[in-house]
Amino acid sequence: MAGRYVTYISQLAGADVVGTYGPQPVTPAQLADLSAKQPDLVLDNAHMSTGPVLPGSPAKQVSLINYPEENLDLLDVYRTDAQRIVEALRP
């Protein structure tokens, strides 16, 4: 599951995106729908986070960067996001 503005990063990483949300806060109906899909990861937009997306779920929420910052070029953005995903997948 991924935030709307990090879906492309999720797909580049090979994730099977089972649902999207945002940029608005998740509604109760969306929460029920997204929870029913039982995602392993929630890939959130670090720049526009809506906070915990699936509270009480075993899904790990990972904040991904979707554009370069002052100290990161585009390649560093992808490296940072890849590292965050790998860390979240470790047992």
N, C-alpha and C. Protein backbone atom coordinates (compact mmCIF):
# COMPACT_ATOMS: atom_id res chain seq x y z
N MET A 1 0.85 -1.15 0.00
CA MET A 1 0.00 0.00 0.00
C MET A 1 0.90 1.22 0.00
N ALA A 2 0.52 2.27 -0.73
CA ALA A 2 1.39 3.43 -0.85
C ALA A 2 0.59 4.72 -0.89
N GLY A 3 1.24 5.77 -0.38
CA GLY A 3 0.69 7.10 -0.53
C GLY A 3 0.68 7.46 -2.01
N ARG A 4 -0.28 8.26 -2.41
CA ARG A 4 -0.46 8.59 -3.82
C ARG A 4 0.81 9.10 -4.48
N TYR A 5 1.59 9.93 -3.80
CA TYR A 5 2.76 10.54 -4.42
C TYR A 5 4.04 9.72 -4.28
N VAL A 6 3.96 8.54 -3.69
CA VAL A 6 5.13 7.65 -3.66
C VAL A 6 4.82 6.31 -4.32
N THR A 7 3.70 6.23 -5.01
CA THR A 7 3.33 4.99 -5.69
C THR A 7 4.37 4.60 -6.72
N TYR A 8 4.86 5.57 -7.50
CA TYR A 8 5.85 5.24 -8.54
C TYR A 8 7.14 4.71 -7.92
N ILE A 9 7.55 5.24 -6.78
CA ILE A 9 8.75 4.74 -6.10
C ILE A 9 8.51 3.30 -5.65
N SER A 10 7.32 3.05 -5.14
CA SER A 10 6.96 1.71 -4.68
C SER A 10 7.02 0.72 -5.83
N GLN A 11 6.51 1.12 -6.99
CA GLN A 11 6.52 0.24 -8.15
C GLN A 11 7.95 0.03 -8.66
N LEU A 12 8.78 1.08 -8.62
CA LEU A 12 10.19 0.92 -9.01
C LEU A 12 10.89 -0.08 -8.11
N ALA A 13 10.50 -0.13 -6.86
CA ALA A 13 11.11 -1.05 -5.89
C ALA A 13 10.57 -2.47 -6.05
N GLY A 14 9.59 -2.66 -6.92
CA GLY A 14 9.04 -3.98 -7.16
C GLY A 14 7.89 -4.36 -6.25
N ALA A 15 7.37 -3.38 -5.52
CA ALA A 15 6.26 -3.66 -4.60
C ALA A 15 4.97 -3.92 -5.37
N ASP A 16 4.16 -4.80 -4.84
CA ASP A 16 2.82 -5.04 -5.36
C ASP A 16 1.90 -4.08 -4.61
N VAL A 17 1.59 -2.96 -5.23
CA VAL A 17 0.79 -1.91 -4.57
C VAL A 17 -0.67 -2.34 -4.58
N VAL A 18 -1.20 -2.68 -3.40
CA VAL A 18 -2.57 -3.18 -3.29
C VAL A 18 -3.58 -2.07 -3.01
N GLY A 19 -3.10 -0.86 -2.76
CA GLY A 19 -4.00 0.25 -2.51
C GLY A 19 -3.21 1.54 -2.36
N THR A 20 -3.90 2.65 -2.56
CA THR A 20 -3.27 3.96 -2.38
C THR A 20 -4.16 4.82 -1.49
N TYR A 21 -3.57 5.86 -0.95
CA TYR A 21 -4.30 6.79 -0.09
C TYR A 21 -3.66 8.17 -0.23
N GLY A 22 -4.34 9.18 0.27
CA GLY A 22 -3.81 10.54 0.33
C GLY A 22 -4.00 11.31 -0.95
N PRO A 23 -3.60 12.55 -0.93
CA PRO A 23 -2.86 13.21 0.14
C PRO A 23 -3.74 13.64 1.32
N GLN A 24 -5.05 13.52 1.20
CA GLN A 24 -5.92 13.86 2.32
C GLN A 24 -5.82 12.78 3.40
N PRO A 25 -6.18 13.10 4.63
CA PRO A 25 -6.20 12.08 5.68
C PRO A 25 -7.10 10.90 5.29
N VAL A 26 -6.75 9.74 5.76
CA VAL A 26 -7.51 8.52 5.47
C VAL A 26 -8.86 8.60 6.16
N THR A 27 -9.92 8.34 5.40
CA THR A 27 -11.28 8.35 5.95
C THR A 27 -11.58 6.99 6.60
N PRO A 28 -12.61 6.92 7.44
CA PRO A 28 -12.97 5.62 8.03
C PRO A 28 -13.26 4.54 6.97
N ALA A 29 -13.92 4.92 5.88
CA ALA A 29 -14.21 3.95 4.82
C ALA A 29 -12.92 3.46 4.16
N GLN A 30 -11.99 4.39 3.89
CA GLN A 30 -10.70 3.99 3.31
C GLN A 30 -9.93 3.11 4.28
N LEU A 31 -9.96 3.45 5.55
CA LEU A 31 -9.26 2.66 6.57
C LEU A 31 -9.76 1.22 6.56
N ALA A 32 -11.07 1.04 6.50
CA ALA A 32 -11.64 -0.31 6.46
C ALA A 32 -11.22 -1.04 5.20
N ASP A 33 -11.28 -0.36 4.06
CA ASP A 33 -10.91 -0.97 2.78
C ASP A 33 -9.43 -1.34 2.75
N LEU A 34 -8.58 -0.41 3.17
CA LEU A 34 -7.14 -0.66 3.13
C LEU A 34 -6.73 -1.72 4.15
N SER A 35 -7.34 -1.71 5.31
CA SER A 35 -7.03 -2.72 6.34
C SER A 35 -7.40 -4.12 5.86
N ALA A 36 -8.50 -4.23 5.13
CA ALA A 36 -8.96 -5.53 4.63
C ALA A 36 -7.95 -6.14 3.66
N LYS A 37 -7.14 -5.31 3.02
CA LYS A 37 -6.14 -5.80 2.07
C LYS A 37 -4.90 -6.36 2.76
N GLN A 38 -4.78 -6.15 4.05
CA GLN A 38 -3.70 -6.68 4.89
C GLN A 38 -2.31 -6.47 4.28
N PRO A 39 -1.92 -5.23 4.02
CA PRO A 39 -0.59 -4.99 3.45
C PRO A 39 0.51 -5.29 4.46
N ASP A 40 1.67 -5.66 3.95
CA ASP A 40 2.85 -5.87 4.80
C ASP A 40 3.51 -4.54 5.13
N LEU A 41 3.48 -3.62 4.16
CA LEU A 41 4.11 -2.31 4.32
C LEU A 41 3.13 -1.22 3.93
N VAL A 42 3.24 -0.09 4.60
CA VAL A 42 2.56 1.14 4.20
C VAL A 42 3.67 2.11 3.85
N LEU A 43 3.76 2.47 2.58
CA LEU A 43 4.81 3.37 2.12
C LEU A 43 4.25 4.78 2.08
N ASP A 44 4.71 5.59 3.01
CA ASP A 44 4.17 6.92 3.25
C ASP A 44 5.08 7.98 2.64
N ASN A 45 4.51 9.11 2.29
CA ASN A 45 5.27 10.23 1.76
C ASN A 45 5.85 11.04 2.92
N ALA A 46 7.15 11.04 3.05
CA ALA A 46 7.81 11.74 4.15
C ALA A 46 7.52 13.24 4.13
N HIS A 47 7.28 13.79 2.95
CA HIS A 47 7.06 15.23 2.83
C HIS A 47 5.61 15.64 3.09
N MET A 48 4.69 14.68 3.01
CA MET A 48 3.26 14.99 3.19
C MET A 48 2.58 13.90 4.01
N SER A 49 3.19 13.49 5.09
CA SER A 49 2.65 12.39 5.88
C SER A 49 1.29 12.76 6.48
N THR A 50 0.42 11.77 6.51
CA THR A 50 -0.87 11.96 7.17
C THR A 50 -0.86 11.32 8.55
N GLY A 51 0.33 10.91 9.00
CA GLY A 51 0.46 10.23 10.29
C GLY A 51 0.26 8.74 10.12
N PRO A 52 0.04 8.02 11.22
CA PRO A 52 -0.17 6.58 11.11
C PRO A 52 -1.38 6.28 10.22
N VAL A 53 -1.17 5.47 9.20
CA VAL A 53 -2.23 5.19 8.23
C VAL A 53 -3.11 4.03 8.67
N LEU A 54 -2.49 2.96 9.16
CA LEU A 54 -3.25 1.80 9.62
C LEU A 54 -2.93 1.50 11.08
N PRO A 55 -3.38 2.35 11.99
CA PRO A 55 -3.08 2.12 13.41
C PRO A 55 -3.63 0.78 13.87
N GLY A 56 -2.83 0.07 14.66
CA GLY A 56 -3.25 -1.22 15.15
C GLY A 56 -3.00 -2.37 14.18
N SER A 57 -2.50 -2.05 13.00
CA SER A 57 -2.21 -3.07 11.99
C SER A 57 -0.77 -3.55 12.15
N PRO A 58 -0.49 -4.80 11.78
CA PRO A 58 0.89 -5.27 11.81
C PRO A 58 1.74 -4.71 10.67
N ALA A 59 1.12 -4.01 9.72
CA ALA A 59 1.87 -3.43 8.60
C ALA A 59 2.87 -2.40 9.12
N LYS A 60 4.08 -2.46 8.59
CA LYS A 60 5.11 -1.49 8.95
C LYS A 60 4.96 -0.27 8.05
N GLN A 61 4.96 0.92 8.65
CA GLN A 61 4.86 2.16 7.88
C GLN A 61 6.26 2.70 7.65
N VAL A 62 6.58 2.97 6.38
CA VAL A 62 7.90 3.44 5.98
C VAL A 62 7.74 4.80 5.30
N SER A 63 8.49 5.79 5.75
CA SER A 63 8.44 7.12 5.15
C SER A 63 9.44 7.20 4.00
N LEU A 64 8.92 7.45 2.79
CA LEU A 64 9.77 7.57 1.61
C LEU A 64 9.85 9.02 1.17
N ILE A 65 11.00 9.38 0.64
CA ILE A 65 11.24 10.72 0.11
C ILE A 65 10.84 10.70 -1.36
N ASN A 66 10.14 11.72 -1.84
CA ASN A 66 9.76 11.69 -3.25
C ASN A 66 10.38 12.80 -4.09
N TYR A 67 11.26 13.59 -3.51
CA TYR A 67 12.02 14.55 -4.32
C TYR A 67 13.30 14.93 -3.59
N PRO A 68 14.31 15.36 -4.35
CA PRO A 68 15.61 15.71 -3.73
C PRO A 68 15.47 16.85 -2.73
N GLU A 69 16.30 16.77 -1.71
CA GLU A 69 16.37 17.82 -0.71
C GLU A 69 17.72 18.50 -0.82
N GLU A 70 17.96 19.44 0.05
CA GLU A 70 19.18 20.22 0.01
C GLU A 70 20.44 19.35 0.04
N ASN A 71 20.42 18.29 0.83
CA ASN A 71 21.61 17.45 0.98
C ASN A 71 21.54 16.15 0.18
N LEU A 72 20.50 15.96 -0.64
CA LEU A 72 20.34 14.74 -1.43
C LEU A 72 20.09 15.06 -2.89
N ASP A 73 20.83 14.37 -3.79
CA ASP A 73 20.48 14.48 -5.20
C ASP A 73 19.49 13.34 -5.50
N LEU A 74 19.04 13.24 -6.74
CA LEU A 74 18.00 12.26 -7.07
C LEU A 74 18.45 10.83 -6.80
N LEU A 75 19.70 10.52 -7.13
CA LEU A 75 20.20 9.17 -6.87
C LEU A 75 20.21 8.86 -5.37
N ASP A 76 20.57 9.85 -4.57
CA ASP A 76 20.55 9.67 -3.11
C ASP A 76 19.13 9.44 -2.59
N VAL A 77 18.15 10.07 -3.22
CA VAL A 77 16.75 9.86 -2.84
C VAL A 77 16.40 8.39 -3.01
N TYR A 78 16.73 7.83 -4.17
CA TYR A 78 16.43 6.41 -4.43
C TYR A 78 17.20 5.49 -3.50
N ARG A 79 18.46 5.80 -3.24
CA ARG A 79 19.25 4.98 -2.31
C ARG A 79 18.65 5.00 -0.90
N THR A 80 18.28 6.19 -0.46
CA THR A 80 17.69 6.34 0.88
C THR A 80 16.39 5.57 0.98
N ASP A 81 15.53 5.70 -0.02
CA ASP A 81 14.25 4.99 0.00
C ASP A 81 14.47 3.48 -0.03
N ALA A 82 15.40 3.02 -0.86
CA ALA A 82 15.69 1.58 -0.93
C ALA A 82 16.16 1.07 0.42
N GLN A 83 17.03 1.83 1.07
CA GLN A 83 17.54 1.43 2.38
C GLN A 83 16.41 1.35 3.41
N ARG A 84 15.51 2.31 3.38
CA ARG A 84 14.38 2.31 4.32
C ARG A 84 13.46 1.11 4.10
N ILE A 85 13.23 0.76 2.83
CA ILE A 85 12.38 -0.40 2.53
C ILE A 85 13.05 -1.68 2.99
N VAL A 86 14.33 -1.83 2.68
CA VAL A 86 15.08 -3.03 3.09
C VAL A 86 15.05 -3.17 4.62
N GLU A 87 15.28 -2.08 5.33
CA GLU A 87 15.27 -2.13 6.80
C GLU A 87 13.89 -2.56 7.33
N ALA A 88 12.84 -2.08 6.69
CA ALA A 88 11.49 -2.43 7.14
C ALA A 88 11.17 -3.91 6.88
N LEU A 89 11.79 -4.49 5.87
CA LEU A 89 11.54 -5.89 5.54
C LEU A 89 12.34 -6.87 6.37
N ARG A 90 13.35 -6.37 7.07
CA ARG A 90 14.15 -7.26 7.92
C ARG A 90 13.32 -7.72 9.11
N PRO A 91 13.49 -9.01 9.48
CA PRO A 91 12.73 -9.52 10.64
C PRO A 91 13.19 -8.89 11.94
